[in-house]
PDB file of N, CA and C in Angstrom:
ATOM      1  N   UNK A   1      60.262  97.811  66.797  1.00  0.00           N
ATOM      2  CA  UNK A   1      60.259  96.617  65.985  1.00  0.00           C
ATOM      3  C   UNK A   1      61.505  95.776  66.270  1.00  0.00           C
ATOM      4  N   UNK A   2      62.652  96.412  66.408  1.00  0.00           N
ATOM      5  CA  UNK A   2      63.880  95.667  66.680  1.00  0.00           C
ATOM      6  C   UNK A   2      63.786  94.901  67.992  1.00  0.00           C
ATOM      7  N   UNK A   3      63.196  95.526  68.994  1.00  0.00           N
ATOM      8  CA  UNK A   3      63.039  94.862  70.297  1.00  0.00           C
ATOM      9  C   UNK A   3      62.214  93.581  70.159  1.00  0.00           C
ATOM     10  N   UNK A   4      61.161  93.631  69.358  1.00  0.00           N
ATOM     11  CA  UNK A   4      60.319  92.448  69.150  1.00  0.00           C
ATOM     12  C   UNK A   4      61.059  91.402  68.315  1.00  0.00           C
ATOM     13  N   UNK A   5      61.816  91.847  67.312  1.00  0.00           N
ATOM     14  CA  UNK A   5      62.573  90.908  66.488  1.00  0.00           C
ATOM     15  C   UNK A   5      63.628  90.182  67.309  1.00  0.00           C
ATOM     16  N   UNK A   6      64.200  90.837  68.292  1.00  0.00           N
ATOM     17  CA  UNK A   6      65.212  90.222  69.138  1.00  0.00           C
ATOM     18  C   UNK A   6      64.620  89.131  70.031  1.00  0.00           C
ATOM     19  N   UNK A   7      63.325  89.132  70.209  1.00  0.00           N
ATOM     20  CA  UNK A   7      62.667  88.111  71.023  1.00  0.00           C
ATOM     21  C   UNK A   7      62.466  86.821  70.229  1.00  0.00           C
ATOM     22  N   UNK A   8      62.818  86.829  68.948  1.00  0.00           N
ATOM     23  CA  UNK A   8      62.745  85.654  68.080  1.00  0.00           C
ATOM     24  C   UNK A   8      61.362  85.005  68.114  1.00  0.00           C
ATOM     25  N   UNK A   9      60.339  85.830  68.040  1.00  0.00           N
ATOM     26  CA  UNK A   9      58.978  85.307  68.038  1.00  0.00           C
ATOM     27  C   UNK A   9      58.655  84.594  66.740  1.00  0.00           C
ATOM     28  N   UNK A  10      57.707  83.713  66.820  1.00  0.00           N
ATOM     29  CA  UNK A  10      57.244  83.008  65.634  1.00  0.00           C
ATOM     30  C   UNK A  10      55.727  82.944  65.688  1.00  0.00           C
ATOM     31  N   UNK A  11      55.135  82.501  64.602  1.00  0.00           N
ATOM     32  CA  UNK A  11      53.686  82.383  64.554  1.00  0.00           C
ATOM     33  C   UNK A  11      53.248  81.430  65.663  1.00  0.00           C
ATOM     34  N   UNK A  12      52.281  81.874  66.435  1.00  0.00           N
ATOM     35  CA  UNK A  12      51.824  81.107  67.592  1.00  0.00           C
ATOM     36  C   UNK A  12      52.479  81.591  68.875  1.00  0.00           C
ATOM     37  N   UNK A  13      53.274  82.635  68.772  1.00  0.00           N
ATOM     38  CA  UNK A  13      53.960  83.180  69.937  1.00  0.00           C
ATOM     39  C   UNK A  13      53.389  84.524  70.331  1.00  0.00           C
ATOM     40  N   UNK A  14      54.094  85.180  71.226  1.00  0.00           N
ATOM     41  CA  UNK A  14      53.662  86.484  71.713  1.00  0.00           C
ATOM     42  C   UNK A  14      54.897  87.270  72.135  1.00  0.00           C
ATOM     43  N   UNK A  15      55.061  88.444  71.567  1.00  0.00           N
ATOM     44  CA  UNK A  15      56.142  89.328  71.977  1.00  0.00           C
ATOM     45  C   UNK A  15      55.611  90.314  72.999  1.00  0.00           C
ATOM     46  N   UNK A  16      56.501  90.916  73.754  1.00  0.00           N
ATOM     47  CA  UNK A  16      56.057  91.908  74.734  1.00  0.00           C
ATOM     48  C   UNK A  16      57.097  93.001  74.861  1.00  0.00           C
ATOM     49  N   UNK A  17      56.627  94.143  75.272  1.00  0.00           N
ATOM     50  CA  UNK A  17      57.540  95.224  75.615  1.00  0.00           C
ATOM     51  C   UNK A  17      56.909  96.067  76.708  1.00  0.00           C
ATOM     52  N   UNK A  18      57.776  96.615  77.520  1.00  0.00           N
ATOM     53  CA  UNK A  18      57.305  97.440  78.626  1.00  0.00           C
ATOM     54  C   UNK A  18      57.364  98.899  78.210  1.00  0.00           C
ATOM     55  N   UNK A  19      56.294  99.605  78.489  1.00  0.00           N
ATOM     56  CA  UNK A  19      56.219 101.035  78.198  1.00  0.00           C
ATOM     57  C   UNK A  19      55.659 101.712  79.427  1.00  0.00           C
ATOM     58  N   UNK A  20      56.484 102.537  80.052  1.00  0.00           N
ATOM     59  CA  UNK A  20      56.149 103.172  81.320  1.00  0.00           C
ATOM     60  C   UNK A  20      55.825 102.078  82.339  1.00  0.00           C
ATOM     61  N   UNK A  21      54.639 102.087  82.924  1.00  0.00           N
ATOM     62  CA  UNK A  21      54.248 101.068  83.903  1.00  0.00           C
ATOM     63  C   UNK A  21      53.309 100.040  83.306  1.00  0.00           C
ATOM     64  N   UNK A  22      53.355  99.883  81.967  1.00  0.00           N
ATOM     65  CA  UNK A  22      52.440  98.958  81.289  1.00  0.00           C
ATOM     66  C   UNK A  22      53.222  98.017  80.391  1.00  0.00           C
ATOM     67  N   UNK A  23      52.635  96.883  80.119  1.00  0.00           N
ATOM     68  CA  UNK A  23      53.181  95.955  79.139  1.00  0.00           C
ATOM     69  C   UNK A  23      52.277  95.957  77.918  1.00  0.00           C
ATOM     70  N   UNK A  24      52.890  95.862  76.761  1.00  0.00           N
ATOM     71  CA  UNK A  24      52.159  95.736  75.509  1.00  0.00           C
ATOM     72  C   UNK A  24      52.519  94.379  74.938  1.00  0.00           C
ATOM     73  N   UNK A  25      51.509  93.592  74.600  1.00  0.00           N
ATOM     74  CA  UNK A  25      51.713  92.250  74.073  1.00  0.00           C
ATOM     75  C   UNK A  25      51.350  92.212  72.598  1.00  0.00           C
ATOM     76  N   UNK A  26      52.194  91.564  71.831  1.00  0.00           N
ATOM     77  CA  UNK A  26      52.008  91.449  70.390  1.00  0.00           C
ATOM     78  C   UNK A  26      51.807  89.976  70.035  1.00  0.00           C
ATOM     79  N   UNK A  27      50.596  89.626  69.678  1.00  0.00           N
ATOM     80  CA  UNK A  27      50.293  88.240  69.321  1.00  0.00           C
ATOM     81  C   UNK A  27      50.683  87.995  67.866  1.00  0.00           C
ATOM     82  N   UNK A  28      51.452  86.951  67.644  1.00  0.00           N
ATOM     83  CA  UNK A  28      51.844  86.561  66.282  1.00  0.00           C
ATOM     84  C   UNK A  28      50.872  85.476  65.828  1.00  0.00           C
ATOM     85  N   UNK A  29      49.816  85.894  65.127  1.00  0.00           N
ATOM     86  CA  UNK A  29      48.768  84.932  64.781  1.00  0.00           C
ATOM     87  C   UNK A  29      48.726  84.586  63.299  1.00  0.00           C
ATOM     88  N   UNK A  30      49.590  85.207  62.501  1.00  0.00           N
ATOM     89  CA  UNK A  30      49.649  84.846  61.088  1.00  0.00           C
ATOM     90  C   UNK A  30      51.033  85.192  60.539  1.00  0.00           C
ATOM     91  N   UNK A  31      51.525  84.403  59.593  1.00  0.00           N
ATOM     92  CA  UNK A  31      52.882  84.592  59.093  1.00  0.00           C
ATOM     93  C   UNK A  31      53.054  85.841  58.232  1.00  0.00           C
ATOM     94  N   UNK A  32      52.007  86.231  57.521  1.00  0.00           N
ATOM     95  CA  UNK A  32      52.041  87.403  56.652  1.00  0.00           C
ATOM     96  C   UNK A  32      50.799  88.230  56.960  1.00  0.00           C
ATOM     97  N   UNK A  33      50.955  89.541  56.969  1.00  0.00           N
ATOM     98  CA  UNK A  33      49.863  90.416  57.412  1.00  0.00           C
ATOM     99  C   UNK A  33      48.559  90.205  56.660  1.00  0.00           C
ATOM    100  N   UNK A  34      48.600  89.764  55.407  1.00  0.00           N
ATOM    101  CA  UNK A  34      47.346  89.612  54.671  1.00  0.00           C
ATOM    102  C   UNK A  34      46.818  88.174  54.670  1.00  0.00           C
ATOM    103  N   UNK A  35      47.415  87.297  55.461  1.00  0.00           N
ATOM    104  CA  UNK A  35      46.870  85.943  55.633  1.00  0.00           C
ATOM    105  C   UNK A  35      45.714  85.969  56.628  1.00  0.00           C
ATOM    106  N   UNK A  36      44.958  84.911  56.675  1.00  0.00           N
ATOM    107  CA  UNK A  36      43.880  84.759  57.642  1.00  0.00           C
ATOM    108  C   UNK A  36      44.386  83.897  58.800  1.00  0.00           C
ATOM    109  N   UNK A  37      44.191  84.340  60.032  1.00  0.00           N
ATOM    110  CA  UNK A  37      44.654  83.535  61.167  1.00  0.00           C
ATOM    111  C   UNK A  37      43.771  82.305  61.376  1.00  0.00           C
ATOM    112  N   UNK A  38      44.347  81.275  61.962  1.00  0.00           N
ATOM    113  CA  UNK A  38      43.605  80.068  62.305  1.00  0.00           C
ATOM    114  C   UNK A  38      43.359  80.059  63.806  1.00  0.00           C
ATOM    115  N   UNK A  39      42.247  79.496  64.217  1.00  0.00           N
ATOM    116  CA  UNK A  39      41.874  79.498  65.630  1.00  0.00           C
ATOM    117  C   UNK A  39      42.916  78.792  66.491  1.00  0.00           C
ATOM    118  N   UNK A  40      43.513  77.702  66.005  1.00  0.00           N
ATOM    119  CA  UNK A  40      44.516  76.985  66.800  1.00  0.00           C
ATOM    120  C   UNK A  40      45.741  77.865  67.048  1.00  0.00           C
ATOM    121  N   UNK A  41      46.161  78.637  66.053  1.00  0.00           N
ATOM    122  CA  UNK A  41      47.310  79.532  66.221  1.00  0.00           C
ATOM    123  C   UNK A  41      46.957  80.641  67.207  1.00  0.00           C
ATOM    124  N   UNK A  42      45.752  81.168  67.114  1.00  0.00           N
ATOM    125  CA  UNK A  42      45.300  82.185  68.058  1.00  0.00           C
ATOM    126  C   UNK A  42      45.288  81.624  69.476  1.00  0.00           C
ATOM    127  N   UNK A  43      44.808  80.394  69.632  1.00  0.00           N
ATOM    128  CA  UNK A  43      44.789  79.736  70.945  1.00  0.00           C
ATOM    129  C   UNK A  43      46.210  79.631  71.503  1.00  0.00           C
ATOM    130  N   UNK A  44      47.151  79.214  70.674  1.00  0.00           N
ATOM    131  CA  UNK A  44      48.534  79.066  71.108  1.00  0.00           C
ATOM    132  C   UNK A  44      49.121  80.415  71.525  1.00  0.00           C
ATOM    133  N   UNK A  45      48.898  81.451  70.728  1.00  0.00           N
ATOM    134  CA  UNK A  45      49.398  82.789  71.059  1.00  0.00           C
ATOM    135  C   UNK A  45      48.794  83.309  72.359  1.00  0.00           C
ATOM    136  N   UNK A  46      47.496  83.077  72.546  1.00  0.00           N
ATOM    137  CA  UNK A  46      46.846  83.513  73.785  1.00  0.00           C
ATOM    138  C   UNK A  46      47.421  82.782  75.000  1.00  0.00           C
ATOM    139  N   UNK A  47      47.742  81.509  74.847  1.00  0.00           N
ATOM    140  CA  UNK A  47      48.349  80.772  75.959  1.00  0.00           C
ATOM    141  C   UNK A  47      49.735  81.308  76.295  1.00  0.00           C
ATOM    142  N   UNK A  48      50.510  81.653  75.280  1.00  0.00           N
ATOM    143  CA  UNK A  48      51.827  82.246  75.524  1.00  0.00           C
ATOM    144  C   UNK A  48      51.657  83.595  76.225  1.00  0.00           C
ATOM    145  N   UNK A  49      50.689  84.392  75.752  1.00  0.00           N
ATOM    146  CA  UNK A  49      50.434  85.688  76.381  1.00  0.00           C
ATOM    147  C   UNK A  49      49.991  85.499  77.831  1.00  0.00           C
ATOM    148  N   UNK A  50      49.174  84.489  78.094  1.00  0.00           N
ATOM    149  CA  UNK A  50      48.715  84.227  79.458  1.00  0.00           C
ATOM    150  C   UNK A  50      49.893  83.982  80.387  1.00  0.00           C
ATOM    151  N   UNK A  51      50.862  83.208  79.919  1.00  0.00           N
ATOM    152  CA  UNK A  51      52.049  82.947  80.744  1.00  0.00           C
ATOM    153  C   UNK A  51      52.829  84.228  81.008  1.00  0.00           C
ATOM    154  N   UNK A  52      52.939  85.101  80.004  1.00  0.00           N
ATOM    155  CA  UNK A  52      53.628  86.376  80.193  1.00  0.00           C
ATOM    156  C   UNK A  52      52.873  87.271  81.173  1.00  0.00           C
ATOM    157  N   UNK A  53      51.550  87.298  81.046  1.00  0.00           N
ATOM    158  CA  UNK A  53      50.723  88.103  81.954  1.00  0.00           C
ATOM    159  C   UNK A  53      50.927  87.642  83.394  1.00  0.00           C
ATOM    160  N   UNK A  54      50.918  86.335  83.617  1.00  0.00           N
ATOM    161  CA  UNK A  54      51.138  85.809  84.968  1.00  0.00           C
ATOM    162  C   UNK A  54      52.552  86.128  85.459  1.00  0.00           C
ATOM    163  N   UNK A  55      53.525  85.983  84.578  1.00  0.00           N
ATOM    164  CA  UNK A  55      54.917  86.266  84.924  1.00  0.00           C
ATOM    165  C   UNK A  55      55.117  87.732  85.287  1.00  0.00           C
ATOM    166  N   UNK A  56      54.423  88.629  84.578  1.00  0.00           N
ATOM    167  CA  UNK A  56      54.560  90.063  84.818  1.00  0.00           C
ATOM    168  C   UNK A  56      53.653  90.562  85.945  1.00  0.00           C
ATOM    169  N   UNK A  57      52.811  89.710  86.481  1.00  0.00           N
ATOM    170  CA  UNK A  57      51.933  90.108  87.574  1.00  0.00           C
ATOM    171  C   UNK A  57      50.812  91.041  87.148  1.00  0.00           C
ATOM    172  N   UNK A  58      50.370  90.915  85.925  1.00  0.00           N
ATOM    173  CA  UNK A  58      49.309  91.775  85.394  1.00  0.00           C
ATOM    174  C   UNK A  58      47.971  91.356  86.006  1.00  0.00           C
ATOM    175  N   UNK A  59      47.185  92.341  86.442  1.00  0.00           N
ATOM    176  CA  UNK A  59      45.872  92.053  87.018  1.00  0.00           C
ATOM    177  C   UNK A  59      44.721  92.559  86.149  1.00  0.00           C
ATOM    178  N   UNK A  60      45.002  93.439  85.199  1.00  0.00           N
ATOM    179  CA  UNK A  60      43.978  93.959  84.292  1.00  0.00           C
ATOM    180  C   UNK A  60      44.530  93.915  82.878  1.00  0.00           C
ATOM    181  N   UNK A  61      43.676  93.517  81.947  1.00  0.00           N
ATOM    182  CA  UNK A  61      44.106  93.371  80.565  1.00  0.00           C
ATOM    183  C   UNK A  61      43.024  93.897  79.642  1.00  0.00           C
ATOM    184  N   UNK A  62      43.402  94.722  78.696  1.00  0.00           N
ATOM    185  CA  UNK A  62      42.466  95.218  77.695  1.00  0.00           C
ATOM    186  C   UNK A  62      42.938  94.781  76.319  1.00  0.00           C
ATOM    187  N   UNK A  63      42.000  94.420  75.461  1.00  0.00           N
ATOM    188  CA  UNK A  63      42.365  94.018  74.106  1.00  0.00           C
ATOM    189  C   UNK A  63      41.184  94.217  73.169  1.00  0.00           C
ATOM    190  N   UNK A  64      41.492  94.380  71.881  1.00  0.00           N
ATOM    191  CA  UNK A  64      40.408  94.509  70.897  1.00  0.00           C
ATOM    192  C   UNK A  64      39.819  93.142  70.571  1.00  0.00           C
ATOM    193  N   UNK A  65      38.857  93.126  69.695  1.00  0.00           N
ATOM    194  CA  UNK A  65      38.262  91.867  69.225  1.00  0.00           C
ATOM    195  C   UNK A  65      39.225  91.239  68.211  1.00  0.00           C
ATOM    196  N   UNK A  66      40.166  90.456  68.735  1.00  0.00           N
ATOM    197  CA  UNK A  66      41.240  89.876  67.940  1.00  0.00           C
ATOM    198  C   UNK A  66      40.724  89.074  66.758  1.00  0.00           C
ATOM    199  N   UNK A  67      41.230  89.388  65.573  1.00  0.00           N
ATOM    200  CA  UNK A  67      40.905  88.617  64.387  1.00  0.00           C
ATOM    201  C   UNK A  67      39.486  88.763  63.879  1.00  0.00           C
ATOM    202  N   UNK A  68      38.703  89.655  64.463  1.00  0.00           N
ATOM    203  CA  UNK A  68      37.287  89.728  64.106  1.00  0.00           C
ATOM    204  C   UNK A  68      36.954  90.867  63.153  1.00  0.00           C
ATOM    205  N   UNK A  69      37.934  91.639  62.775  1.00  0.00           N
ATOM    206  CA  UNK A  69      37.692  92.704  61.805  1.00  0.00           C
ATOM    207  C   UNK A  69      37.889  92.171  60.394  1.00  0.00           C
ATOM    208  N   UNK A  70      38.969  92.600  59.780  1.00  0.00           N
ATOM    209  CA  UNK A  70      39.281  92.166  58.424  1.00  0.00           C
ATOM    210  C   UNK A  70      39.567  90.673  58.328  1.00  0.00           C
ATOM    211  N   UNK A  71      40.010  90.064  59.427  1.00  0.00           N
ATOM    212  CA  UNK A  71      40.331  88.634  59.418  1.00  0.00           C
ATOM    213  C   UNK A  71      39.091  87.746  59.493  1.00  0.00           C
ATOM    214  N   UNK A  72      37.957  88.308  59.845  1.00  0.00           N
ATOM    215  CA  UNK A  72      36.643  87.646  59.798  1.00  0.00           C
ATOM    216  C   UNK A  72      36.484  86.422  60.697  1.00  0.00           C
ATOM    217  N   UNK A  73      37.183  86.375  61.806  1.00  0.00           N
ATOM    218  CA  UNK A  73      36.928  85.305  62.763  1.00  0.00           C
ATOM    219  C   UNK A  73      35.657  85.643  63.530  1.00  0.00           C
ATOM    220  N   UNK A  74      34.977  84.634  64.014  1.00  0.00           N
ATOM    221  CA  UNK A  74      33.732  84.831  64.762  1.00  0.00           C
ATOM    222  C   UNK A  74      34.051  85.241  66.193  1.00  0.00           C
ATOM    223  N   UNK A  75      33.488  86.359  66.648  1.00  0.00           N
ATOM    224  CA  UNK A  75      33.774  86.866  67.983  1.00  0.00           C
ATOM    225  C   UNK A  75      33.392  85.870  69.067  1.00  0.00           C
ATOM    226  N   UNK A  76      32.296  85.174  68.909  1.00  0.00           N
ATOM    227  CA  UNK A  76      31.863  84.217  69.939  1.00  0.00           C
ATOM    228  C   UNK A  76      32.945  83.156  70.162  1.00  0.00           C
ATOM    229  N   UNK A  77      33.556  82.662  69.094  1.00  0.00           N
ATOM    230  CA  UNK A  77      34.598  81.642  69.204  1.00  0.00           C
ATOM    231  C   UNK A  77      35.882  82.236  69.791  1.00  0.00           C
ATOM    232  N   UNK A  78      36.231  83.432  69.349  1.00  0.00           N
ATOM    233  CA  UNK A  78      37.448  84.090  69.862  1.00  0.00           C
ATOM    234  C   UNK A  78      37.271  84.422  71.340  1.00  0.00           C
ATOM    235  N   UNK A  79      36.106  84.899  71.706  1.00  0.00           N
ATOM    236  CA  UNK A  79      35.820  85.245  73.102  1.00  0.00           C
ATOM    237  C   UNK A  79      35.968  84.027  74.007  1.00  0.00           C
ATOM    238  N   UNK A  80      35.528  82.852  73.547  1.00  0.00           N
ATOM    239  CA  UNK A  80      35.678  81.624  74.330  1.00  0.00           C
ATOM    240  C   UNK A  80      37.149  81.317  74.570  1.00  0.00           C
ATOM    241  N   UNK A  81      37.996  81.546  73.558  1.00  0.00           N
ATOM    242  CA  UNK A  81      39.437  81.317  73.717  1.00  0.00           C
ATOM    243  C   UNK A  81      40.032  82.269  74.746  1.00  0.00           C
ATOM    244  N   UNK A  82      39.613  83.506  74.702  1.00  0.00           N
ATOM    245  CA  UNK A  82      40.141  84.514  75.622  1.00  0.00           C
ATOM    246  C   UNK A  82      39.757  84.187  77.062  1.00  0.00           C
ATOM    247  N   UNK A  83      38.534  83.791  77.269  1.00  0.00           N
ATOM    248  CA  UNK A  83      38.038  83.511  78.613  1.00  0.00           C
ATOM    249  C   UNK A  83      38.637  82.218  79.178  1.00  0.00           C
ATOM    250  N   UNK A  84      38.906  81.255  78.312  1.00  0.00           N
ATOM    251  CA  UNK A  84      39.412  79.943  78.754  1.00  0.00           C
ATOM    252  C   UNK A  84      40.775  80.031  79.418  1.00  0.00           C
TER     253      UNK A  84
END
């Protein structure tokens, strides 16, 4: 947690940390854990993550259905953001 806090991330950003030969990305899509994320903030976080992925030379990426569980975002809309 301290490593991510030192990156001074904010909502709409993306923190990262390296673990072994992998990177883990943390999307900041809502200010408080029990808030609902907005699609524009998710789009911004994904764009920041995309830049980090390119910078780190990542060729494969796995992720869950972001915001589609308890946050109730529509997977079809989120999937379009991810693919774009």
